[in-house]
Amino acid sequence: MKKGFLYLGFFVLVTSCAPGPIGAWNYSVTGTPQGDYAGVMTISKKDKGYSAKLMSAGTETTFNKFSYMKATKKTEGEFDFSGTQILFSAQLNKDQLKGTMSTSGLEFPFNATRKK
């Protein structure tokens, strides 16, 4: 019986410490009318929620809104790029984020891998 509680306690500890989206991610967005983009996405924890920014080719773009839902492991956000609002949505699966960036009804694949 004691071993059962020990294993249960270890399982709860491991799953509660599982990494969320915080950190640096190598990302790519493909198929946009301006071509493909790649760079580093950085996600940080704030007092209330999260913040994120994209760095690519010497430029930095900060998300106006960014959220992470722990229960569903889904990230969402929005930012402005060249005067256009871009919507972001991705699913976290361990060390990968997969989803889309979209604007004006167009969707472009987004893929990211956690930097080690």
N, C-alpha and C. Protein backbone atom coordinates (compact mmCIF):
# COMPACT_ATOMS: atom_id res chain seq x y z
N MET A 1 0.82 -1.19 0.00
CA MET A 1 0.00 0.00 0.00
C MET A 1 0.87 1.26 0.00
N LYS A 2 1.96 1.24 0.80
CA LYS A 2 2.84 2.40 0.85
C LYS A 2 3.49 2.65 -0.50
N LYS A 3 3.84 1.57 -1.20
CA LYS A 3 4.45 1.73 -2.53
C LYS A 3 3.47 2.38 -3.49
N GLY A 4 2.19 2.04 -3.38
CA GLY A 4 1.17 2.63 -4.24
C GLY A 4 1.10 4.14 -4.05
N PHE A 5 1.13 4.59 -2.80
CA PHE A 5 1.11 6.03 -2.52
C PHE A 5 2.38 6.70 -3.00
N LEU A 6 3.51 6.00 -2.83
CA LEU A 6 4.79 6.54 -3.29
C LEU A 6 4.77 6.73 -4.81
N TYR A 7 4.30 5.73 -5.54
CA TYR A 7 4.22 5.85 -7.00
C TYR A 7 3.24 6.93 -7.43
N LEU A 8 2.11 7.02 -6.73
CA LEU A 8 1.12 8.05 -7.04
C LEU A 8 1.71 9.43 -6.80
N GLY A 9 2.40 9.61 -5.68
CA GLY A 9 3.03 10.89 -5.38
C GLY A 9 4.08 11.25 -6.43
N PHE A 10 4.89 10.29 -6.85
CA PHE A 10 5.90 10.53 -7.88
C PHE A 10 5.23 10.91 -9.20
N PHE A 11 4.16 10.23 -9.57
CA PHE A 11 3.44 10.53 -10.81
C PHE A 11 2.89 11.95 -10.78
N VAL A 12 2.29 12.34 -9.67
CA VAL A 12 1.74 13.70 -9.55
C VAL A 12 2.85 14.73 -9.65
N LEU A 13 3.97 14.48 -9.01
CA LEU A 13 5.10 15.40 -9.06
C LEU A 13 5.63 15.54 -10.48
N VAL A 14 5.81 14.44 -11.18
CA VAL A 14 6.34 14.48 -12.54
C VAL A 14 5.38 15.18 -13.49
N THR A 15 4.10 14.88 -13.41
CA THR A 15 3.16 15.51 -14.34
C THR A 15 2.94 16.98 -14.02
N SER A 16 3.04 17.36 -12.74
CA SER A 16 2.85 18.77 -12.42
C SER A 16 4.09 19.59 -12.81
N CYS A 17 5.24 18.96 -12.94
CA CYS A 17 6.47 19.66 -13.32
C CYS A 17 6.74 19.56 -14.82
N ALA A 18 5.84 18.92 -15.54
CA ALA A 18 6.03 18.80 -16.99
C ALA A 18 6.17 20.19 -17.60
N PRO A 19 7.12 20.36 -18.52
CA PRO A 19 7.36 21.70 -19.06
C PRO A 19 6.16 22.21 -19.87
N GLY A 20 5.85 23.45 -19.64
CA GLY A 20 4.82 24.12 -20.43
C GLY A 20 5.50 24.80 -21.60
N PRO A 21 4.96 25.89 -22.07
CA PRO A 21 5.51 26.55 -23.26
C PRO A 21 6.68 27.48 -22.98
N ILE A 22 7.00 27.73 -21.70
CA ILE A 22 8.05 28.70 -21.37
C ILE A 22 9.40 28.24 -21.93
N GLY A 23 10.07 29.18 -22.60
CA GLY A 23 11.40 28.89 -23.12
C GLY A 23 11.58 29.43 -24.52
N ALA A 24 12.66 28.99 -25.13
CA ALA A 24 12.99 29.41 -26.50
C ALA A 24 12.69 28.27 -27.47
N TRP A 25 12.13 28.64 -28.60
CA TRP A 25 11.68 27.67 -29.61
C TRP A 25 12.22 28.06 -30.98
N ASN A 26 12.77 27.11 -31.71
CA ASN A 26 13.11 27.32 -33.13
C ASN A 26 11.82 27.12 -33.91
N TYR A 27 11.41 28.15 -34.67
CA TYR A 27 10.12 28.06 -35.35
C TYR A 27 10.27 28.28 -36.85
N SER A 28 9.23 27.84 -37.58
CA SER A 28 9.10 28.15 -39.00
C SER A 28 7.63 28.35 -39.33
N VAL A 29 7.39 29.28 -40.25
CA VAL A 29 6.07 29.52 -40.81
C VAL A 29 6.26 29.42 -42.31
N THR A 30 5.51 28.54 -42.97
CA THR A 30 5.74 28.28 -44.38
C THR A 30 4.53 28.63 -45.23
N GLY A 31 4.83 28.95 -46.50
CA GLY A 31 3.79 29.16 -47.50
C GLY A 31 3.13 30.52 -47.51
N THR A 32 3.71 31.52 -46.85
CA THR A 32 3.09 32.85 -46.86
C THR A 32 3.35 33.53 -48.20
N PRO A 33 2.55 34.50 -48.58
CA PRO A 33 2.79 35.22 -49.84
C PRO A 33 4.16 35.91 -49.88
N GLN A 34 4.73 36.24 -48.70
CA GLN A 34 6.05 36.86 -48.65
C GLN A 34 7.17 35.82 -48.50
N GLY A 35 6.84 34.56 -48.54
CA GLY A 35 7.82 33.49 -48.40
C GLY A 35 7.76 32.83 -47.04
N ASP A 36 8.76 32.01 -46.77
CA ASP A 36 8.83 31.30 -45.50
C ASP A 36 9.59 32.12 -44.47
N TYR A 37 9.26 31.92 -43.21
CA TYR A 37 9.92 32.61 -42.11
C TYR A 37 10.45 31.59 -41.12
N ALA A 38 11.57 31.88 -40.51
CA ALA A 38 12.14 31.02 -39.48
C ALA A 38 12.87 31.90 -38.49
N GLY A 39 12.95 31.45 -37.27
CA GLY A 39 13.63 32.21 -36.24
C GLY A 39 13.46 31.58 -34.88
N VAL A 40 13.47 32.40 -33.85
CA VAL A 40 13.32 31.94 -32.48
C VAL A 40 12.12 32.63 -31.84
N MET A 41 11.25 31.83 -31.25
CA MET A 41 10.11 32.33 -30.49
C MET A 41 10.45 32.16 -29.02
N THR A 42 10.26 33.21 -28.23
CA THR A 42 10.53 33.14 -26.80
C THR A 42 9.22 33.37 -26.05
N ILE A 43 8.91 32.43 -25.16
CA ILE A 43 7.69 32.52 -24.35
C ILE A 43 8.11 32.65 -22.89
N SER A 44 7.55 33.66 -22.21
CA SER A 44 7.89 33.94 -20.81
C SER A 44 6.63 33.96 -19.96
N LYS A 45 6.80 33.67 -18.68
CA LYS A 45 5.70 33.76 -17.71
C LYS A 45 5.69 35.16 -17.13
N LYS A 46 4.51 35.76 -17.05
CA LYS A 46 4.32 37.07 -16.43
C LYS A 46 3.55 36.88 -15.13
N ASP A 47 3.33 37.99 -14.41
CA ASP A 47 2.53 37.91 -13.19
C ASP A 47 1.16 37.31 -13.47
N LYS A 48 0.55 37.77 -14.55
CA LYS A 48 -0.77 37.27 -14.95
C LYS A 48 -0.69 36.78 -16.38
N GLY A 49 -0.38 35.51 -16.56
CA GLY A 49 -0.35 34.94 -17.90
C GLY A 49 1.04 34.81 -18.49
N TYR A 50 1.10 34.99 -19.80
CA TYR A 50 2.32 34.76 -20.56
C TYR A 50 2.56 35.90 -21.53
N SER A 51 3.81 35.99 -22.01
CA SER A 51 4.14 36.90 -23.09
C SER A 51 5.00 36.13 -24.08
N ALA A 52 5.01 36.59 -25.32
CA ALA A 52 5.79 35.92 -26.35
C ALA A 52 6.31 36.92 -27.36
N LYS A 53 7.43 36.56 -27.99
CA LYS A 53 7.97 37.39 -29.06
C LYS A 53 8.64 36.48 -30.08
N LEU A 54 8.68 36.97 -31.32
CA LEU A 54 9.32 36.27 -32.43
C LEU A 54 10.54 37.07 -32.85
N MET A 55 11.64 36.38 -33.07
CA MET A 55 12.84 37.01 -33.58
C MET A 55 13.22 36.31 -34.87
N SER A 56 13.40 37.12 -35.93
CA SER A 56 13.74 36.56 -37.23
C SER A 56 14.48 37.61 -38.04
N ALA A 57 15.60 37.22 -38.62
CA ALA A 57 16.38 38.10 -39.51
C ALA A 57 16.63 39.48 -38.89
N GLY A 58 16.99 39.49 -37.61
CA GLY A 58 17.32 40.75 -36.95
C GLY A 58 16.15 41.60 -36.51
N THR A 59 14.94 41.13 -36.68
CA THR A 59 13.77 41.89 -36.23
C THR A 59 13.08 41.14 -35.09
N GLU A 60 12.42 41.90 -34.23
CA GLU A 60 11.70 41.33 -33.10
C GLU A 60 10.25 41.78 -33.15
N THR A 61 9.34 40.83 -33.03
CA THR A 61 7.91 41.12 -33.03
C THR A 61 7.32 40.60 -31.72
N THR A 62 6.69 41.48 -30.97
CA THR A 62 6.10 41.11 -29.68
C THR A 62 4.61 40.86 -29.86
N PHE A 63 4.12 39.78 -29.26
CA PHE A 63 2.69 39.47 -29.29
C PHE A 63 1.93 40.51 -28.47
N ASN A 64 0.80 40.98 -29.01
CA ASN A 64 -0.10 41.87 -28.26
C ASN A 64 -0.84 41.07 -27.19
N LYS A 65 -1.18 39.83 -27.52
CA LYS A 65 -1.87 38.91 -26.60
C LYS A 65 -1.24 37.54 -26.77
N PHE A 66 -1.11 36.82 -25.66
CA PHE A 66 -0.61 35.45 -25.73
C PHE A 66 -1.15 34.69 -24.52
N SER A 67 -1.66 33.48 -24.75
CA SER A 67 -2.19 32.69 -23.65
C SER A 67 -1.82 31.22 -23.82
N TYR A 68 -1.82 30.52 -22.70
CA TYR A 68 -1.58 29.08 -22.68
C TYR A 68 -2.61 28.46 -21.74
N MET A 69 -3.35 27.49 -22.25
CA MET A 69 -4.34 26.77 -21.45
C MET A 69 -3.73 25.43 -21.06
N LYS A 70 -3.35 25.31 -19.79
CA LYS A 70 -2.66 24.12 -19.31
C LYS A 70 -3.49 22.85 -19.51
N ALA A 71 -4.78 22.93 -19.28
CA ALA A 71 -5.64 21.75 -19.37
C ALA A 71 -5.67 21.16 -20.78
N THR A 72 -5.65 22.03 -21.80
CA THR A 72 -5.72 21.55 -23.18
C THR A 72 -4.38 21.62 -23.90
N LYS A 73 -3.37 22.23 -23.25
CA LYS A 73 -2.03 22.43 -23.83
C LYS A 73 -2.08 23.23 -25.12
N LYS A 74 -2.98 24.19 -25.17
CA LYS A 74 -3.15 25.01 -26.36
C LYS A 74 -2.62 26.42 -26.11
N THR A 75 -1.91 26.95 -27.09
CA THR A 75 -1.43 28.32 -27.03
C THR A 75 -2.18 29.13 -28.09
N GLU A 76 -2.45 30.39 -27.77
CA GLU A 76 -3.11 31.29 -28.71
C GLU A 76 -2.53 32.68 -28.52
N GLY A 77 -2.55 33.46 -29.59
CA GLY A 77 -2.06 34.81 -29.48
C GLY A 77 -2.36 35.62 -30.72
N GLU A 78 -1.94 36.88 -30.68
CA GLU A 78 -2.08 37.75 -31.84
C GLU A 78 -1.00 38.82 -31.78
N PHE A 79 -0.58 39.24 -32.97
CA PHE A 79 0.42 40.30 -33.08
C PHE A 79 0.23 41.02 -34.41
N ASP A 80 0.85 42.19 -34.53
CA ASP A 80 0.79 42.96 -35.78
C ASP A 80 2.07 42.75 -36.56
N PHE A 81 1.91 42.51 -37.86
CA PHE A 81 3.07 42.34 -38.74
C PHE A 81 2.82 43.18 -39.99
N SER A 82 3.63 44.19 -40.19
CA SER A 82 3.49 45.10 -41.34
C SER A 82 2.08 45.66 -41.46
N GLY A 83 1.49 46.02 -40.31
CA GLY A 83 0.16 46.61 -40.31
C GLY A 83 -0.98 45.62 -40.42
N THR A 84 -0.68 44.34 -40.38
CA THR A 84 -1.71 43.30 -40.49
C THR A 84 -1.77 42.50 -39.20
N GLN A 85 -2.98 42.27 -38.69
CA GLN A 85 -3.13 41.46 -37.49
C GLN A 85 -2.98 39.98 -37.85
N ILE A 86 -2.10 39.30 -37.13
CA ILE A 86 -1.86 37.87 -37.33
C ILE A 86 -2.36 37.13 -36.10
N LEU A 87 -3.15 36.08 -36.32
CA LEU A 87 -3.65 35.24 -35.25
C LEU A 87 -2.81 33.97 -35.18
N PHE A 88 -2.48 33.56 -33.97
CA PHE A 88 -1.62 32.41 -33.74
C PHE A 88 -2.36 31.38 -32.91
N SER A 89 -2.22 30.10 -33.27
CA SER A 89 -2.81 29.02 -32.50
C SER A 89 -1.92 27.79 -32.68
N ALA A 90 -1.54 27.15 -31.57
CA ALA A 90 -0.69 25.96 -31.66
C ALA A 90 -0.96 25.04 -30.47
N GLN A 91 -0.71 23.78 -30.69
CA GLN A 91 -0.87 22.75 -29.68
C GLN A 91 0.51 22.34 -29.19
N LEU A 92 0.68 22.29 -27.87
CA LEU A 92 1.94 21.86 -27.27
C LEU A 92 1.94 20.35 -27.11
N ASN A 93 3.00 19.71 -27.58
CA ASN A 93 3.18 18.27 -27.40
C ASN A 93 4.64 18.07 -27.00
N LYS A 94 4.90 18.04 -25.71
CA LYS A 94 6.24 17.92 -25.13
C LYS A 94 7.14 19.03 -25.64
N ASP A 95 8.03 18.74 -26.56
CA ASP A 95 8.99 19.73 -27.06
C ASP A 95 8.65 20.22 -28.46
N GLN A 96 7.37 20.15 -28.84
CA GLN A 96 6.93 20.63 -30.15
C GLN A 96 5.68 21.48 -30.01
N LEU A 97 5.61 22.52 -30.82
CA LEU A 97 4.41 23.33 -30.98
C LEU A 97 4.02 23.22 -32.45
N LYS A 98 2.79 22.84 -32.72
CA LYS A 98 2.30 22.75 -34.10
C LYS A 98 0.97 23.45 -34.19
N GLY A 99 0.82 24.28 -35.22
CA GLY A 99 -0.44 24.98 -35.37
C GLY A 99 -0.42 25.84 -36.61
N THR A 100 -1.05 27.03 -36.50
CA THR A 100 -1.17 27.92 -37.65
C THR A 100 -0.99 29.37 -37.24
N MET A 101 -0.63 30.16 -38.23
CA MET A 101 -0.73 31.61 -38.15
C MET A 101 -1.69 31.98 -39.26
N SER A 102 -2.62 32.87 -38.95
CA SER A 102 -3.64 33.17 -39.95
C SER A 102 -3.95 34.66 -39.98
N THR A 103 -4.44 35.08 -41.16
CA THR A 103 -4.89 36.45 -41.35
C THR A 103 -5.81 36.48 -42.57
N SER A 104 -6.84 37.26 -42.50
CA SER A 104 -7.77 37.46 -43.61
C SER A 104 -8.23 36.15 -44.24
N GLY A 105 -8.50 35.14 -43.41
CA GLY A 105 -8.99 33.86 -43.91
C GLY A 105 -7.92 32.93 -44.46
N LEU A 106 -6.68 33.35 -44.46
CA LEU A 106 -5.57 32.51 -44.93
C LEU A 106 -4.84 31.91 -43.74
N GLU A 107 -4.48 30.62 -43.82
CA GLU A 107 -3.76 29.95 -42.75
C GLU A 107 -2.43 29.44 -43.25
N PHE A 108 -1.41 29.56 -42.40
CA PHE A 108 -0.06 29.10 -42.76
C PHE A 108 0.47 28.21 -41.65
N PRO A 109 1.07 27.07 -42.01
CA PRO A 109 1.57 26.14 -41.00
C PRO A 109 2.67 26.75 -40.13
N PHE A 110 2.55 26.52 -38.83
CA PHE A 110 3.54 26.94 -37.85
C PHE A 110 4.06 25.69 -37.16
N ASN A 111 5.38 25.55 -37.10
CA ASN A 111 6.01 24.44 -36.41
C ASN A 111 7.17 24.97 -35.59
N ALA A 112 7.31 24.46 -34.37
CA ALA A 112 8.40 24.90 -33.51
C ALA A 112 8.91 23.72 -32.68
N THR A 113 10.21 23.75 -32.40
CA THR A 113 10.85 22.76 -31.57
C THR A 113 11.59 23.50 -30.45
N ARG A 114 11.42 22.99 -29.23
CA ARG A 114 12.07 23.62 -28.08
C ARG A 114 13.58 23.57 -28.24
N LYS A 115 14.24 24.71 -28.02
CA LYS A 115 15.70 24.76 -28.05
C LYS A 115 16.23 24.08 -26.80
N LYS A 116 17.28 23.33 -26.98
CA LYS A 116 17.89 22.61 -25.83
C LYS A 116 19.15 23.29 -25.40
